[in-house]
Amino acid sequence: MFRMFNSQTARLLEINFFKCEKTFFSANFKNCLLQYCNFLDLNMKSSSFNGSKLKDSHFTNTTLKSADFSGVDLSGAIFHNCDLCNADFSVAPNVISIRGQIKSRKQNSLFQKLLGCSTLLI
């Protein structure tokens, strides 16, 4: 198992990250394509997805405190029961589906919109 993952411009399709170290899994994806990926029961505090495409990827019971989703294409992405405190969703286009209890303290206008509804289409 690995605890840290760094990648630039990688193409990762249908990867299941639920078998990764569940205590702490730090990821740095920059300008990557992550399509149909599953992030289940992970602690991904301060992970970065900057400029990546998370098309149809699912985050379930995942801690994403202070995660960087700036400039990320979230087409079809689903966040279910995730901790998104201080996560940065600035300039994150397309469809975002939020389900379950979401925790956040971020004062980001887009993020505030996310918290106000179960599904948001941008």
Protein backbone atom coordinates (compact mmCIF):
# COMPACT_ATOMS: atom_id res chain seq x y z
CA MET A 1 0.00 0.00 0.00
CA PHE A 2 1.10 3.55 -0.57
CA ARG A 3 0.36 6.64 1.50
CA MET A 4 1.36 9.38 -0.92
CA PHE A 5 0.62 9.74 -4.62
CA ASN A 6 1.99 12.44 -6.92
CA SER A 7 1.15 12.69 -10.58
CA GLN A 8 1.05 15.25 -13.37
CA THR A 9 -0.95 14.76 -16.56
CA ALA A 10 -1.74 11.10 -15.77
CA ARG A 11 -4.82 9.34 -17.16
CA LEU A 12 -6.40 7.13 -14.51
CA LEU A 13 -9.58 5.32 -15.48
CA GLU A 14 -11.78 3.22 -13.16
CA ILE A 15 -9.31 3.22 -10.25
CA ASN A 16 -10.65 2.20 -6.83
CA PHE A 17 -8.72 3.99 -4.09
CA PHE A 18 -10.63 2.32 -1.26
CA LYS A 19 -7.88 -0.25 -0.73
CA CYS A 20 -5.29 2.46 -0.07
CA GLU A 21 -4.03 3.25 3.42
CA LYS A 22 -7.19 4.49 5.13
CA THR A 23 -5.48 6.32 7.97
CA PHE A 24 -4.00 8.99 5.71
CA PHE A 25 -3.71 9.10 1.93
CA SER A 26 -2.20 12.24 0.45
CA ALA A 27 -2.66 12.80 -3.25
CA ASN A 28 -1.32 15.44 -5.60
CA PHE A 29 -3.00 15.21 -9.00
CA LYS A 30 -2.14 18.09 -11.33
CA ASN A 31 -3.83 18.35 -14.73
CA CYS A 32 -4.79 14.66 -14.56
CA LEU A 33 -7.79 12.81 -15.93
CA LEU A 34 -9.46 10.72 -13.22
CA GLN A 35 -12.54 9.20 -14.79
CA TYR A 36 -14.88 6.71 -13.07
CA CYS A 37 -12.58 6.63 -10.01
CA ASN A 38 -13.81 5.78 -6.50
CA PHE A 39 -12.43 7.36 -3.34
CA LEU A 40 -14.02 5.46 -0.43
CA ASP A 41 -13.41 5.85 3.33
CA LEU A 42 -10.15 7.78 2.93
CA ASN A 43 -8.48 10.59 4.84
CA MET A 44 -7.21 12.80 2.01
CA LYS A 45 -6.56 15.96 4.02
CA SER A 46 -4.81 18.70 1.99
CA SER A 47 -4.83 16.66 -1.22
CA SER A 48 -4.69 18.59 -4.49
CA PHE A 49 -6.58 17.95 -7.72
CA ASN A 50 -5.60 21.29 -9.27
CA GLY A 51 -6.61 21.61 -12.93
CA SER A 52 -7.64 17.96 -13.18
CA LYS A 53 -10.77 16.34 -14.61
CA LEU A 54 -12.69 14.20 -12.10
CA LYS A 55 -15.34 13.05 -14.53
CA ASP A 56 -17.93 10.69 -13.02
CA SER A 57 -15.71 10.06 -9.97
CA HIS A 58 -17.22 9.32 -6.56
CA PHE A 59 -16.06 10.42 -3.11
CA THR A 60 -17.83 8.55 -0.29
CA ASN A 61 -17.10 8.96 3.45
CA THR A 62 -13.89 10.75 2.51
CA THR A 63 -12.13 13.46 4.51
CA LEU A 64 -11.10 16.19 2.09
CA LYS A 65 -10.24 18.96 4.57
CA SER A 66 -8.32 21.77 2.88
CA ALA A 67 -8.32 19.87 -0.43
CA ASP A 68 -7.62 21.92 -3.56
CA PHE A 69 -10.23 21.46 -6.29
CA SER A 70 -9.40 24.79 -7.97
CA GLY A 71 -9.94 24.73 -11.72
CA VAL A 72 -11.17 21.12 -11.57
CA ASP A 73 -13.75 19.78 -14.03
CA LEU A 74 -16.25 17.98 -11.80
CA SER A 75 -18.57 16.68 -14.54
CA GLY A 76 -20.66 13.96 -12.91
CA ALA A 77 -18.59 13.93 -9.70
CA ILE A 78 -20.44 12.87 -6.54
CA PHE A 79 -19.51 13.74 -2.95
CA HIS A 80 -21.41 11.61 -0.42
CA ASN A 81 -20.93 12.14 3.34
CA CYS A 82 -17.59 13.91 2.85
CA ASP A 83 -15.77 16.35 5.12
CA LEU A 84 -15.01 19.34 2.88
CA CYS A 85 -13.91 21.85 5.55
CA ASN A 86 -11.80 24.57 3.94
CA ALA A 87 -11.81 22.80 0.56
CA ASP A 88 -11.18 25.16 -2.38
CA PHE A 89 -13.67 24.80 -5.23
CA SER A 90 -12.78 28.10 -6.94
CA VAL A 91 -13.47 28.12 -10.66
CA ALA A 92 -14.70 24.50 -10.59
CA PRO A 93 -17.01 24.15 -13.62
CA ASN A 94 -19.74 21.69 -14.56
CA VAL A 95 -21.91 19.32 -12.56
CA ILE A 96 -21.40 18.67 -8.87
CA SER A 97 -23.65 16.34 -6.89
CA ILE A 98 -23.61 16.62 -3.13
CA ARG A 99 -25.40 13.98 -1.06
CA GLY A 100 -25.58 13.31 2.65
CA GLN A 101 -24.08 15.36 5.44
CA ILE A 102 -21.40 17.73 4.26
CA LYS A 103 -19.13 19.54 6.70
CA SER A 104 -17.62 22.87 5.70
CA ARG A 105 -16.41 26.18 7.10
CA LYS A 106 -15.08 27.60 3.82
CA GLN A 107 -16.41 31.08 3.01
CA ASN A 108 -16.38 30.52 -0.75
CA SER A 109 -19.43 31.74 -2.69
CA LEU A 110 -19.52 28.66 -4.94
CA PHE A 111 -19.08 26.40 -1.93
CA GLN A 112 -21.89 28.13 -0.07
CA LYS A 113 -24.14 27.40 -3.06
CA LEU A 114 -23.13 23.74 -2.89
CA LEU A 115 -24.15 23.49 0.73
CA GLY A 116 -27.55 25.00 0.03
CA CYS A 117 -28.87 22.21 -2.17
CA SER A 118 -28.57 18.49 -2.74
CA THR A 119 -27.58 18.80 -6.41
CA LEU A 120 -26.09 21.79 -8.17
CA LEU A 121 -25.80 22.28 -11.91
CA ILE A 122 -23.36 24.99 -12.92
